[in-house]
Amino acid sequence: LVGLQTALVVMALVPAGVALVWLWRTPIVDTAAEAETEATADIRALLEAVALTAPLPPQGRELLARTAVRETLDAGAVLLRQGDPAEDLYLLAAGTVEVFDERGERRLINTVTAPDHLGEIGVVHRRPRTATVVAVGPVQVWRISGATFLDATAAQPFSSSLVGVIDARLARASW
């Protein structure tokens, strides 16, 4: 359909054009990968810093790091509501929350500052939320599926330390 010279020019320009488009898109891909790597490093560091997850074997922490979802809350936002089903637990990465008992008149029972964990009692004991948790200011949390957490903590040696962490949390709360 076209002459030899035109065919050769087209054959030279098409791969060059594809290469230029690829090079132009590469920084976007690298930026996205870099942001993902930063987030993964953040959750891994948090998992090692929090008393609930620090004793986990490395493969358990890795499972949690791969599946955790970062969420941001504004001041006054409710993270957990007393009586709701306990499906997830949270690692508090930044900020402070207040924990309230809402049986009868609302009563402050604890203040939790990052890094810490929230919601593990309901997940582990498979019962509704025992308290309402409200953000004091801007808060960043990592949400972890309760089922995934229970899978990651199934190792027997860790189970006893998990109970100790939960018992300590319950003892600190001024019920």
Protein backbone atom coordinates (compact mmCIF):
# COMPACT_ATOMS: atom_id res chain seq x y z
CA LEU A 1 0.00 0.00 0.00
CA VAL A 2 2.88 2.37 0.70
CA GLY A 3 6.37 2.51 -0.60
CA LEU A 4 9.39 0.92 1.05
CA GLN A 5 10.71 4.24 2.32
CA THR A 6 7.37 5.14 4.01
CA ALA A 7 7.10 1.68 5.56
CA LEU A 8 10.61 1.98 7.01
CA VAL A 9 9.86 5.44 8.47
CA VAL A 10 6.61 4.17 10.05
CA MET A 11 8.39 1.10 11.45
CA ALA A 12 11.00 3.38 13.03
CA LEU A 13 8.57 5.97 14.43
CA VAL A 14 5.95 3.66 15.97
CA PRO A 15 8.33 1.89 18.41
CA ALA A 16 9.97 5.23 19.21
CA GLY A 17 6.54 6.73 19.94
CA VAL A 18 5.62 3.81 22.18
CA ALA A 19 8.93 4.17 24.04
CA LEU A 20 8.34 7.90 24.56
CA VAL A 21 4.84 7.31 25.94
CA TRP A 22 6.21 4.62 28.27
CA LEU A 23 8.99 6.90 29.53
CA TRP A 24 6.48 9.70 30.07
CA ARG A 25 4.25 7.39 32.21
CA THR A 26 7.11 5.80 34.19
CA PRO A 27 7.44 8.60 36.81
CA ILE A 28 3.72 8.21 37.61
CA VAL A 29 4.15 4.49 38.15
CA ASP A 30 7.25 5.08 40.29
CA THR A 31 5.44 7.70 42.40
CA ALA A 32 2.55 5.34 43.05
CA ALA A 33 4.91 2.50 43.96
CA GLU A 34 6.86 4.83 46.25
CA ALA A 35 3.69 5.93 48.07
CA GLU A 36 2.64 2.29 48.49
CA THR A 37 6.07 1.39 49.87
CA GLU A 38 5.88 4.28 52.37
CA ALA A 39 2.43 3.17 53.56
CA THR A 40 3.62 -0.42 53.91
CA ALA A 41 6.64 0.72 55.92
CA ASP A 42 4.34 2.82 58.15
CA ILE A 43 2.03 -0.08 58.98
CA ARG A 44 4.94 -2.48 59.55
CA ALA A 45 6.56 -0.06 62.01
CA LEU A 46 3.23 0.43 63.78
CA LEU A 47 2.65 -3.32 64.05
CA GLU A 48 6.03 -3.65 65.77
CA ALA A 49 5.33 -0.72 68.12
CA VAL A 50 1.87 -1.72 69.37
CA ALA A 51 1.71 -4.07 72.36
CA LEU A 52 -1.09 -6.12 70.81
CA THR A 53 0.76 -6.99 67.59
CA ALA A 54 4.46 -6.70 68.51
CA PRO A 55 4.65 -10.28 69.90
CA LEU A 56 3.19 -11.75 66.70
CA PRO A 57 5.47 -13.93 64.61
CA PRO A 58 6.81 -12.10 61.50
CA GLN A 59 4.44 -13.95 59.16
CA GLY A 60 1.46 -12.84 61.27
CA ARG A 61 2.55 -9.18 61.20
CA GLU A 62 3.14 -9.48 57.45
CA LEU A 63 -0.40 -10.77 56.91
CA LEU A 64 -1.79 -7.82 58.87
CA ALA A 65 0.44 -5.33 57.01
CA ARG A 66 -0.74 -6.60 53.61
CA THR A 67 -4.44 -6.38 54.48
CA ALA A 68 -4.66 -3.27 56.71
CA VAL A 69 -6.54 -0.25 55.36
CA ARG A 70 -5.57 3.31 56.34
CA GLU A 71 -8.41 5.61 57.42
CA THR A 72 -8.50 9.23 58.61
CA LEU A 73 -11.09 10.65 61.02
CA ASP A 74 -11.92 14.24 61.89
CA ALA A 75 -12.37 15.52 65.44
CA GLY A 76 -15.62 14.26 66.92
CA ALA A 77 -15.95 11.30 64.56
CA VAL A 78 -17.06 8.02 66.14
CA LEU A 79 -14.66 5.16 65.41
CA LEU A 80 -16.48 2.50 67.45
CA ARG A 81 -19.99 2.59 68.91
CA GLN A 82 -20.86 0.62 72.04
CA GLY A 83 -23.16 -2.30 71.24
CA ASP A 84 -22.26 -2.48 67.52
CA PRO A 85 -20.92 -5.76 66.11
CA ALA A 86 -17.15 -6.13 66.43
CA GLU A 87 -15.96 -6.93 62.93
CA ASP A 88 -12.63 -5.06 62.78
CA LEU A 89 -9.95 -3.79 65.10
CA TYR A 90 -7.89 -0.65 64.69
CA LEU A 91 -4.31 0.42 65.18
CA LEU A 92 -4.13 4.07 66.18
CA ALA A 93 -1.29 5.54 64.09
CA ALA A 94 -1.72 9.25 64.90
CA GLY A 95 -3.88 11.29 67.24
CA THR A 96 -5.90 10.73 70.39
CA VAL A 97 -9.30 9.16 71.04
CA GLU A 98 -11.56 9.08 74.06
CA VAL A 99 -13.31 5.92 75.18
CA PHE A 100 -16.79 6.24 76.69
CA ASP A 101 -19.12 3.89 78.52
CA GLU A 102 -22.61 4.75 77.31
CA ARG A 103 -24.60 2.50 79.58
CA GLY A 104 -26.79 5.07 81.29
CA GLU A 105 -25.13 8.48 81.35
CA ARG A 106 -22.11 8.83 79.04
CA ARG A 107 -18.90 8.45 81.07
CA LEU A 108 -15.26 8.83 79.98
CA ILE A 109 -13.36 5.67 80.88
CA ASN A 110 -10.07 6.04 79.00
CA THR A 111 -8.03 8.26 76.71
CA VAL A 112 -5.85 6.51 74.14
CA THR A 113 -2.99 8.16 72.25
CA ALA A 114 -1.07 6.75 69.29
CA PRO A 115 0.51 4.31 68.91
CA ASP A 116 -2.06 1.93 70.36
CA HIS A 117 -4.84 -0.48 69.46
CA LEU A 118 -8.63 -0.36 69.69
CA GLY A 119 -11.47 -2.80 69.24
CA GLU A 120 -9.64 -6.01 70.02
CA ILE A 121 -11.87 -7.02 72.94
CA GLY A 122 -14.98 -7.45 70.81
CA VAL A 123 -13.07 -9.22 68.03
CA VAL A 124 -11.28 -11.69 70.29
CA HIS A 125 -14.23 -12.40 72.59
CA ARG A 126 -16.72 -12.28 69.68
CA ARG A 127 -19.04 -9.87 71.40
CA PRO A 128 -20.46 -6.42 70.65
CA ARG A 129 -18.37 -3.31 71.20
CA THR A 130 -17.82 -2.66 74.90
CA ALA A 131 -17.42 1.12 74.54
CA THR A 132 -17.76 4.07 72.18
CA VAL A 133 -14.54 5.56 70.81
CA VAL A 134 -14.49 9.18 69.60
CA ALA A 135 -11.65 11.10 67.89
CA VAL A 136 -10.42 14.04 69.99
CA GLY A 137 -8.74 15.68 66.98
CA PRO A 138 -7.66 14.45 63.57
CA VAL A 139 -6.90 10.75 63.86
CA GLN A 140 -5.27 8.22 61.57
CA VAL A 141 -5.99 4.52 62.05
CA TRP A 142 -5.29 1.29 60.24
CA ARG A 143 -8.36 -0.97 60.06
CA ILE A 144 -7.69 -4.70 60.26
CA SER A 145 -10.36 -7.31 59.59
CA GLY A 146 -11.20 -9.23 62.74
CA ALA A 147 -11.10 -12.54 60.86
CA THR A 148 -7.65 -11.73 59.48
CA PHE A 149 -6.43 -10.73 62.95
CA LEU A 150 -7.68 -14.00 64.43
CA ASP A 151 -5.95 -15.93 61.63
CA ALA A 152 -2.69 -14.07 62.30
CA THR A 153 -2.93 -14.70 66.05
CA ALA A 154 -3.79 -18.39 65.85
CA ALA A 155 -0.26 -19.39 66.96
CA GLN A 156 -0.51 -20.87 70.47
CA PRO A 157 2.44 -19.04 72.11
CA PHE A 158 1.01 -15.70 71.03
CA SER A 159 -2.51 -16.47 72.28
CA SER A 160 -1.50 -16.24 75.94
CA SER A 161 0.23 -12.87 75.44
CA LEU A 162 -2.88 -11.63 73.58
CA VAL A 163 -5.03 -12.44 76.60
CA GLY A 164 -2.53 -10.57 78.82
CA VAL A 165 -2.72 -7.45 76.64
CA ILE A 166 -6.53 -7.52 76.66
CA ASP A 167 -6.65 -8.08 80.44
CA ALA A 168 -4.28 -5.12 80.95
CA ARG A 169 -6.52 -2.91 78.78
CA LEU A 170 -9.59 -3.92 80.77
CA ALA A 171 -7.79 -3.27 84.07
CA ARG A 172 -6.75 0.28 82.97
CA ALA A 173 -10.31 1.21 82.03
CA SER A 174 -12.18 2.82 84.93
CA TRP A 175 -15.44 0.87 84.58
